[in-house]
PDB file of N, CA and C in Angstrom:
ATOM      1  N   MET A   1      -5.366  22.994  -1.662  1.00  0.00           N
ATOM      2  CA  MET A   1      -4.212  22.624  -0.886  1.00  0.00           C
ATOM      3  C   MET A   1      -4.452  21.378  -0.121  1.00  0.00           C
ATOM      4  N   PRO A   2      -3.481  20.502  -0.204  1.00  0.00           N
ATOM      5  CA  PRO A   2      -3.708  19.071   0.500  1.00  0.00           C
ATOM      6  C   PRO A   2      -3.483  19.281   2.028  1.00  0.00           C
ATOM      7  N   ASP A   3      -4.056  18.230   2.847  1.00  0.00           N
ATOM      8  CA  ASP A   3      -3.832  18.346   4.132  1.00  0.00           C
ATOM      9  C   ASP A   3      -2.489  18.054   4.696  1.00  0.00           C
ATOM     10  N   THR A   4      -2.105  18.569   5.817  1.00  0.00           N
ATOM     11  CA  THR A   4      -0.698  18.134   6.329  1.00  0.00           C
ATOM     12  C   THR A   4      -0.640  16.665   6.770  1.00  0.00           C
ATOM     13  N   PRO A   5       0.546  15.902   6.192  1.00  0.00           N
ATOM     14  CA  PRO A   5       0.487  14.540   6.859  1.00  0.00           C
ATOM     15  C   PRO A   5       0.862  14.612   8.143  1.00  0.00           C
ATOM     16  N   PRO A   6       0.351  13.492   8.979  1.00  0.00           N
ATOM     17  CA  PRO A   6       0.490  13.347  10.490  1.00  0.00           C
ATOM     18  C   PRO A   6       1.964  13.367  10.831  1.00  0.00           C
ATOM     19  N   GLU A   7       2.817  12.814   9.855  1.00  0.00           N
ATOM     20  CA  GLU A   7       4.288  12.691  10.286  1.00  0.00           C
ATOM     21  C   GLU A   7       5.016  14.104  10.322  1.00  0.00           C
ATOM     22  N   TYR A   8       4.565  15.151   9.752  1.00  0.00           N
ATOM     23  CA  TYR A   8       4.898  16.378   9.899  1.00  0.00           C
ATOM     24  C   TYR A   8       4.803  16.982  11.255  1.00  0.00           C
ATOM     25  N   TYR A   9       3.884  16.455  11.996  1.00  0.00           N
ATOM     26  CA  TYR A   9       3.807  16.767  13.617  1.00  0.00           C
ATOM     27  C   TYR A   9       4.528  15.843  14.388  1.00  0.00           C
ATOM     28  N   ALA A  10       5.013  14.845  14.017  1.00  0.00           N
ATOM     29  CA  ALA A  10       5.854  13.844  14.913  1.00  0.00           C
ATOM     30  C   ALA A  10       6.668  14.371  15.955  1.00  0.00           C
ATOM     31  N   HIS A  11       7.387  15.605  15.672  1.00  0.00           N
ATOM     32  CA  HIS A  11       8.483  16.175  16.608  1.00  0.00           C
ATOM     33  C   HIS A  11       7.814  16.713  17.775  1.00  0.00           C
ATOM     34  N   TYR A  12       6.321  16.937  17.666  1.00  0.00           N
ATOM     35  CA  TYR A  12       5.707  17.441  18.799  1.00  0.00           C
ATOM     36  C   TYR A  12       5.465  16.336  19.899  1.00  0.00           C
ATOM     37  N   GLY A  13       5.551  15.124  19.617  1.00  0.00           N
ATOM     38  CA  GLY A  13       5.060  14.271  20.423  1.00  0.00           C
ATOM     39  C   GLY A  13       3.535  14.014  20.577  1.00  0.00           C
ATOM     40  N   ARG A  14       3.068  13.140  21.505  1.00  0.00           N
ATOM     41  CA  ARG A  14       1.750  13.048  21.766  1.00  0.00           C
ATOM     42  C   ARG A  14       0.953  14.147  22.218  1.00  0.00           C
ATOM     43  N   MET A  15       0.042  14.827  21.694  1.00  0.00           N
ATOM     44  CA  MET A  15      -0.458  16.050  21.892  1.00  0.00           C
ATOM     45  C   MET A  15      -1.889  15.615  22.540  1.00  0.00           C
ATOM     46  N   SER A  16      -2.220  14.410  23.070  1.00  0.00           N
ATOM     47  CA  SER A  16      -3.653  14.084  23.577  1.00  0.00           C
ATOM     48  C   SER A  16      -3.803  14.886  24.676  1.00  0.00           C
ATOM     49  N   THR A  17      -5.325  15.500  24.776  1.00  0.00           N
ATOM     50  CA  THR A  17      -5.666  16.207  25.825  1.00  0.00           C
ATOM     51  C   THR A  17      -5.872  15.008  27.085  1.00  0.00           C
ATOM     52  N   GLY A  18      -5.791  13.825  26.996  1.00  0.00           N
ATOM     53  CA  GLY A  18      -6.143  12.869  27.892  1.00  0.00           C
ATOM     54  C   GLY A  18      -5.192  12.859  29.161  1.00  0.00           C
ATOM     55  N   ASN A  19      -3.958  13.466  28.936  1.00  0.00           N
ATOM     56  CA  ASN A  19      -2.807  13.445  29.815  1.00  0.00           C
ATOM     57  C   ASN A  19      -2.330  14.706  29.770  1.00  0.00           C
ATOM     58  N   HIS A  20      -2.809  15.984  29.433  1.00  0.00           N
ATOM     59  CA  HIS A  20      -2.232  17.114  29.347  1.00  0.00           C
ATOM     60  C   HIS A  20      -1.960  17.703  30.745  1.00  0.00           C
ATOM     61  N   ALA A  21      -0.822  18.105  31.085  1.00  0.00           N
ATOM     62  CA  ALA A  21      -0.554  18.579  32.571  1.00  0.00           C
ATOM     63  C   ALA A  21      -1.531  19.820  32.908  1.00  0.00           C
ATOM     64  N   LEU A  22      -1.740  20.666  32.049  1.00  0.00           N
ATOM     65  CA  LEU A  22      -2.312  21.943  32.334  1.00  0.00           C
ATOM     66  C   LEU A  22      -3.751  21.542  32.619  1.00  0.00           C
ATOM     67  N   LEU A  23      -4.456  20.672  31.871  1.00  0.00           N
ATOM     68  CA  LEU A  23      -5.714  20.243  32.131  1.00  0.00           C
ATOM     69  C   LEU A  23      -5.895  19.237  33.495  1.00  0.00           C
ATOM     70  N   VAL A  24      -4.839  18.643  33.856  1.00  0.00           N
ATOM     71  CA  VAL A  24      -4.853  17.915  35.247  1.00  0.00           C
ATOM     72  C   VAL A  24      -4.820  18.908  36.353  1.00  0.00           C
ATOM     73  N   LYS A  25      -4.007  19.881  36.331  1.00  0.00           N
ATOM     74  CA  LYS A  25      -3.862  20.897  37.231  1.00  0.00           C
ATOM     75  C   LYS A  25      -5.218  21.717  37.280  1.00  0.00           C
ATOM     76  N   LEU A  26      -5.732  22.087  36.347  1.00  0.00           N
ATOM     77  CA  LEU A  26      -6.880  22.961  36.389  1.00  0.00           C
ATOM     78  C   LEU A  26      -8.002  22.036  36.976  1.00  0.00           C
ATOM     79  N   GLY A  27      -8.149  20.758  36.593  1.00  0.00           N
ATOM     80  CA  GLY A  27      -9.105  19.817  37.239  1.00  0.00           C
ATOM     81  C   GLY A  27      -8.965  19.672  38.597  1.00  0.00           C
ATOM     82  N   LYS A  28      -7.827  19.597  39.168  1.00  0.00           N
ATOM     83  CA  LYS A  28      -7.410  19.496  40.585  1.00  0.00           C
ATOM     84  C   LYS A  28      -7.868  20.824  41.376  1.00  0.00           C
ATOM     85  N   ARG A  29      -7.542  21.898  40.793  1.00  0.00           N
ATOM     86  CA  ARG A  29      -8.057  23.150  41.369  1.00  0.00           C
ATOM     87  C   ARG A  29      -9.424  23.178  41.331  1.00  0.00           C
ATOM     88  N   ILE A  30     -10.318  22.877  40.178  1.00  0.00           N
ATOM     89  CA  ILE A  30     -11.732  22.814  40.440  1.00  0.00           C
ATOM     90  C   ILE A  30     -12.369  21.960  41.470  1.00  0.00           C
ATOM     91  N   GLN A  31     -11.661  20.800  41.496  1.00  0.00           N
ATOM     92  CA  GLN A  31     -12.016  19.831  42.461  1.00  0.00           C
ATOM     93  C   GLN A  31     -12.053  20.316  43.890  1.00  0.00           C
ATOM     94  N   ALA A  32     -10.715  21.013  44.145  1.00  0.00           N
ATOM     95  CA  ALA A  32     -10.374  21.509  45.509  1.00  0.00           C
ATOM     96  C   ALA A  32     -11.527  22.547  45.724  1.00  0.00           C
ATOM     97  N   LEU A  33     -11.819  23.454  44.930  1.00  0.00           N
ATOM     98  CA  LEU A  33     -12.860  24.572  45.274  1.00  0.00           C
ATOM     99  C   LEU A  33     -14.199  23.893  45.415  1.00  0.00           C
ATOM    100  N   ARG A  34     -14.395  22.821  44.767  1.00  0.00           N
ATOM    101  CA  ARG A  34     -15.850  22.192  44.803  1.00  0.00           C
ATOM    102  C   ARG A  34     -15.839  21.511  46.040  1.00  0.00           C
ATOM    103  N   MET A  35     -14.843  20.850  46.732  1.00  0.00           N
ATOM    104  CA  MET A  35     -15.011  20.237  47.909  1.00  0.00           C
ATOM    105  C   MET A  35     -14.866  21.334  48.978  1.00  0.00           C
ATOM    106  N   ARG A  36     -14.175  22.400  48.941  1.00  0.00           N
ATOM    107  CA  ARG A  36     -14.329  23.346  49.926  1.00  0.00           C
ATOM    108  C   ARG A  36     -15.710  23.939  50.170  1.00  0.00           C
ATOM    109  N   LYS A  37     -16.353  23.871  49.136  1.00  0.00           N
ATOM    110  CA  LYS A  37     -17.785  24.205  49.202  1.00  0.00           C
ATOM    111  C   LYS A  37     -18.714  23.275  49.851  1.00  0.00           C
ATOM    112  N   GLY A  38     -18.126  22.083  50.046  1.00  0.00           N
ATOM    113  CA  GLY A  38     -18.765  21.055  50.526  1.00  0.00           C
ATOM    114  C   GLY A  38     -19.609  20.268  49.576  1.00  0.00           C
ATOM    115  N   TRP A  39     -19.587  20.436  48.203  1.00  0.00           N
ATOM    116  CA  TRP A  39     -20.349  19.898  47.210  1.00  0.00           C
ATOM    117  C   TRP A  39     -19.827  18.491  46.669  1.00  0.00           C
ATOM    118  N   THR A  40     -20.465  17.533  46.329  1.00  0.00           N
ATOM    119  CA  THR A  40     -20.201  16.502  45.659  1.00  0.00           C
ATOM    120  C   THR A  40     -20.312  16.890  44.216  1.00  0.00           C
ATOM    121  N   GLN A  41     -19.682  15.910  43.288  1.00  0.00           N
ATOM    122  CA  GLN A  41     -19.862  16.269  41.888  1.00  0.00           C
ATOM    123  C   GLN A  41     -21.399  16.370  41.598  1.00  0.00           C
ATOM    124  N   THR A  42     -22.291  15.571  42.130  1.00  0.00           N
ATOM    125  CA  THR A  42     -23.746  15.610  41.680  1.00  0.00           C
ATOM    126  C   THR A  42     -24.342  17.010  42.157  1.00  0.00           C
ATOM    127  N   ASP A  43     -23.927  17.566  43.403  1.00  0.00           N
ATOM    128  CA  ASP A  43     -24.082  18.778  43.720  1.00  0.00           C
ATOM    129  C   ASP A  43     -23.871  19.997  42.720  1.00  0.00           C
ATOM    130  N   MET A  44     -22.717  20.027  42.351  1.00  0.00           N
ATOM    131  CA  MET A  44     -22.127  20.905  41.514  1.00  0.00           C
ATOM    132  C   MET A  44     -22.849  20.798  40.153  1.00  0.00           C
ATOM    133  N   ALA A  45     -23.084  19.575  39.847  1.00  0.00           N
ATOM    134  CA  ALA A  45     -23.776  19.411  38.464  1.00  0.00           C
ATOM    135  C   ALA A  45     -25.171  19.968  38.494  1.00  0.00           C
ATOM    136  N   ALA A  46     -25.812  19.876  39.473  1.00  0.00           N
ATOM    137  CA  ALA A  46     -27.264  20.308  39.729  1.00  0.00           C
ATOM    138  C   ALA A  46     -27.147  21.935  39.769  1.00  0.00           C
ATOM    139  N   TYR A  47     -26.131  22.479  40.433  1.00  0.00           N
ATOM    140  CA  TYR A  47     -26.154  23.746  40.535  1.00  0.00           C
ATOM    141  C   TYR A  47     -25.882  24.554  39.360  1.00  0.00           C
ATOM    142  N   LEU A  48     -24.901  23.951  38.591  1.00  0.00           N
ATOM    143  CA  LEU A  48     -24.399  24.405  37.325  1.00  0.00           C
ATOM    144  C   LEU A  48     -25.458  24.060  36.070  1.00  0.00           C
ATOM    145  N   ASP A  49     -26.170  23.243  36.300  1.00  0.00           N
ATOM    146  CA  ASP A  49     -26.994  22.634  35.067  1.00  0.00           C
ATOM    147  C   ASP A  49     -26.022  21.991  34.144  1.00  0.00           C
ATOM    148  N   MET A  50     -25.120  21.104  34.624  1.00  0.00           N
ATOM    149  CA  MET A  50     -24.039  20.242  33.980  1.00  0.00           C
ATOM    150  C   MET A  50     -24.277  19.037  34.189  1.00  0.00           C
ATOM    151  N   ASN A  51     -23.600  18.110  33.386  1.00  0.00           N
ATOM    152  CA  ASN A  51     -23.709  16.760  33.526  1.00  0.00           C
ATOM    153  C   ASN A  51     -22.812  16.275  34.412  1.00  0.00           C
ATOM    154  N   ARG A  52     -22.933  15.404  35.511  1.00  0.00           N
ATOM    155  CA  ARG A  52     -21.791  15.098  36.448  1.00  0.00           C
ATOM    156  C   ARG A  52     -20.729  14.397  35.907  1.00  0.00           C
ATOM    157  N   GLY A  53     -21.049  13.582  34.792  1.00  0.00           N
ATOM    158  CA  GLY A  53     -19.762  12.850  34.152  1.00  0.00           C
ATOM    159  C   GLY A  53     -18.800  13.975  33.648  1.00  0.00           C
ATOM    160  N   HIS A  54     -19.377  15.075  32.882  1.00  0.00           N
ATOM    161  CA  HIS A  54     -18.447  16.177  32.377  1.00  0.00           C
ATOM    162  C   HIS A  54     -17.683  16.676  33.476  1.00  0.00           C
ATOM    163  N   ILE A  55     -18.255  17.033  34.582  1.00  0.00           N
ATOM    164  CA  ILE A  55     -17.488  17.563  35.688  1.00  0.00           C
ATOM    165  C   ILE A  55     -16.386  16.673  36.112  1.00  0.00           C
ATOM    166  N   SER A  56     -16.702  15.456  36.277  1.00  0.00           N
ATOM    167  CA  SER A  56     -15.725  14.262  36.574  1.00  0.00           C
ATOM    168  C   SER A  56     -14.647  14.268  35.596  1.00  0.00           C
ATOM    169  N   ASP A  57     -14.945  14.328  34.323  1.00  0.00           N
ATOM    170  CA  ASP A  57     -13.814  14.360  33.172  1.00  0.00           C
ATOM    171  C   ASP A  57     -13.057  15.637  33.335  1.00  0.00           C
ATOM    172  N   ILE A  58     -13.645  16.718  33.578  1.00  0.00           N
ATOM    173  CA  ILE A  58     -12.781  17.955  33.784  1.00  0.00           C
ATOM    174  C   ILE A  58     -11.929  17.876  35.004  1.00  0.00           C
ATOM    175  N   GLU A  59     -12.355  17.340  36.176  1.00  0.00           N
ATOM    176  CA  GLU A  59     -11.603  17.203  37.356  1.00  0.00           C
ATOM    177  C   GLU A  59     -10.532  16.341  37.334  1.00  0.00           C
ATOM    178  N   ARG A  60     -10.521  15.324  36.328  1.00  0.00           N
ATOM    179  CA  ARG A  60      -9.459  14.279  36.212  1.00  0.00           C
ATOM    180  C   ARG A  60      -8.642  14.647  35.149  1.00  0.00           C
ATOM    181  N   GLY A  61      -8.947  15.791  34.401  1.00  0.00           N
ATOM    182  CA  GLY A  61      -8.015  16.294  33.325  1.00  0.00           C
ATOM    183  C   GLY A  61      -8.248  15.563  31.871  1.00  0.00           C
ATOM    184  N   LYS A  62      -9.361  14.902  31.946  1.00  0.00           N
ATOM    185  CA  LYS A  62      -9.681  14.097  30.664  1.00  0.00           C
ATOM    186  C   LYS A  62     -10.596  14.736  29.643  1.00  0.00           C
ATOM    187  N   ARG A  63     -10.710  16.007  29.944  1.00  0.00           N
ATOM    188  CA  ARG A  63     -11.651  16.843  29.054  1.00  0.00           C
ATOM    189  C   ARG A  63     -11.197  18.057  28.911  1.00  0.00           C
ATOM    190  N   GLU A  64     -11.169  18.679  27.742  1.00  0.00           N
ATOM    191  CA  GLU A  64     -10.808  20.050  27.561  1.00  0.00           C
ATOM    192  C   GLU A  64     -12.103  21.015  28.008  1.00  0.00           C
ATOM    193  N   VAL A  65     -11.873  22.200  28.579  1.00  0.00           N
ATOM    194  CA  VAL A  65     -12.702  23.069  29.124  1.00  0.00           C
ATOM    195  C   VAL A  65     -13.205  24.209  28.075  1.00  0.00           C
ATOM    196  N   GLY A  66     -14.085  24.428  27.659  1.00  0.00           N
ATOM    197  CA  GLY A  66     -14.465  25.521  26.779  1.00  0.00           C
ATOM    198  C   GLY A  66     -14.466  26.806  27.597  1.00  0.00           C
ATOM    199  N   ILE A  67     -14.231  28.023  27.111  1.00  0.00           N
ATOM    200  CA  ILE A  67     -14.347  29.287  27.890  1.00  0.00           C
ATOM    201  C   ILE A  67     -15.512  29.538  28.297  1.00  0.00           C
ATOM    202  N   ILE A  68     -16.678  29.183  27.897  1.00  0.00           N
ATOM    203  CA  ILE A  68     -18.013  29.556  28.576  1.00  0.00           C
ATOM    204  C   ILE A  68     -18.205  28.513  29.587  1.00  0.00           C
ATOM    205  N   THR A  69     -17.868  27.198  29.619  1.00  0.00           N
ATOM    206  CA  THR A  69     -18.031  26.354  30.614  1.00  0.00           C
ATOM    207  C   THR A  69     -17.176  26.585  31.677  1.00  0.00           C
ATOM    208  N   LEU A  70     -15.990  27.296  31.325  1.00  0.00           N
ATOM    209  CA  LEU A  70     -14.936  27.516  32.479  1.00  0.00           C
ATOM    210  C   LEU A  70     -15.465  28.867  33.214  1.00  0.00           C
ATOM    211  N   GLN A  71     -16.265  29.745  32.539  1.00  0.00           N
ATOM    212  CA  GLN A  71     -16.778  30.941  33.151  1.00  0.00           C
ATOM    213  C   GLN A  71     -17.999  30.433  33.985  1.00  0.00           C
ATOM    214  N   ILE A  72     -18.756  29.388  33.500  1.00  0.00           N
ATOM    215  CA  ILE A  72     -19.886  28.984  34.572  1.00  0.00           C
ATOM    216  C   ILE A  72     -19.384  28.248  35.795  1.00  0.00           C
ATOM    217  N   ILE A  73     -18.239  27.468  35.640  1.00  0.00           N
ATOM    218  CA  ILE A  73     -17.782  26.846  36.693  1.00  0.00           C
ATOM    219  C   ILE A  73     -17.101  27.781  37.608  1.00  0.00           C
ATOM    220  N   ALA A  74     -16.419  28.817  37.148  1.00  0.00           N
ATOM    221  CA  ALA A  74     -15.905  29.853  38.088  1.00  0.00           C
ATOM    222  C   ALA A  74     -16.911  30.539  38.853  1.00  0.00           C
ATOM    223  N   ARG A  75     -17.965  31.087  38.117  1.00  0.00           N
ATOM    224  CA  ARG A  75     -18.987  31.749  38.955  1.00  0.00           C
ATOM    225  C   ARG A  75     -19.674  30.842  39.884  1.00  0.00           C
ATOM    226  N   GLY A  76     -19.872  29.637  39.596  1.00  0.00           N
ATOM    227  CA  GLY A  76     -20.541  28.739  40.544  1.00  0.00           C
ATOM    228  C   GLY A  76     -19.683  28.436  41.677  1.00  0.00           C
ATOM    229  N   LEU A  77     -18.361  28.409  41.505  1.00  0.00           N
ATOM    230  CA  LEU A  77     -17.428  28.375  42.648  1.00  0.00           C
ATOM    231  C   LEU A  77     -16.945  29.845  43.276  1.00  0.00           C
ATOM    232  N   ASP A  78     -17.813  30.648  43.037  1.00  0.00           N
ATOM    233  CA  ASP A  78     -17.529  32.030  43.583  1.00  0.00           C
ATOM    234  C   ASP A  78     -15.980  32.344  43.466  1.00  0.00           C
ATOM    235  N   THR A  79     -15.614  32.146  42.215  1.00  0.00           N
ATOM    236  CA  THR A  79     -14.142  32.801  41.846  1.00  0.00           C
ATOM    237  C   THR A  79     -14.247  33.243  40.398  1.00  0.00           C
ATOM    238  N   THR A  80     -13.144  33.682  39.779  1.00  0.00           N
ATOM    239  CA  THR A  80     -13.110  34.187  38.613  1.00  0.00           C
ATOM    240  C   THR A  80     -12.285  33.154  37.563  1.00  0.00           C
ATOM    241  N   MET A  81     -12.325  33.280  36.420  1.00  0.00           N
ATOM    242  CA  MET A  81     -11.751  32.466  35.428  1.00  0.00           C
ATOM    243  C   MET A  81     -10.087  32.751  35.605  1.00  0.00           C
ATOM    244  N   ALA A  82      -9.745  33.925  35.892  1.00  0.00           N
ATOM    245  CA  ALA A  82      -8.383  34.368  36.202  1.00  0.00           C
ATOM    246  C   ALA A  82      -7.901  33.712  37.284  1.00  0.00           C
ATOM    247  N   ASN A  83      -8.602  33.665  38.412  1.00  0.00           N
ATOM    248  CA  ASN A  83      -8.180  32.966  39.686  1.00  0.00           C
ATOM    249  C   ASN A  83      -7.997  31.353  39.407  1.00  0.00           C
ATOM    250  N   LEU A  84      -9.052  30.777  38.620  1.00  0.00           N
ATOM    251  CA  LEU A  84      -8.871  29.332  38.292  1.00  0.00           C
ATOM    252  C   LEU A  84      -7.514  29.122  37.596  1.00  0.00           C
ATOM    253  N   MET A  85      -7.246  29.895  36.635  1.00  0.00           N
ATOM    254  CA  MET A  85      -5.992  29.677  35.810  1.00  0.00           C
ATOM    255  C   MET A  85      -4.762  30.371  36.384  1.00  0.00           C
ATOM    256  N   LYS A  86      -4.831  30.957  37.382  1.00  0.00           N
ATOM    257  CA  LYS A  86      -3.582  31.628  37.902  1.00  0.00           C
ATOM    258  C   LYS A  86      -2.566  30.780  38.372  1.00  0.00           C
ATOM    259  N   GLY A  87      -1.213  30.692  38.014  1.00  0.00           N
ATOM    260  CA  GLY A  87      -0.304  29.913  38.310  1.00  0.00           C
ATOM    261  C   GLY A  87      -0.261  28.608  37.583  1.00  0.00           C
ATOM    262  N   LEU A  88      -1.067  28.414  36.670  1.00  0.00           N
ATOM    263  CA  LEU A  88      -1.081  26.915  36.104  1.00  0.00           C
ATOM    264  C   LEU A  88       0.075  26.957  35.026  1.00  0.00           C
TER     265      LEU A  88
END
């Protein structure tokens, strides 16, 4: 079976994760919770054993968050994945 040509998806518009509204909203929520704990990105990275740049990208909505990473972040911020996603 041949690959689907890109023009087939043209009617969907740009689907880049770099500016996806859901990722931006989630990132802002994570940032707010981090700041409420009084943590810098470096503090959070050390606590969660993650790269600070990865956290920065998540907070700016520039990186998709996998389900395991989301769970780690939620637990580190003393919340649940459901609360992180609620209302987005």
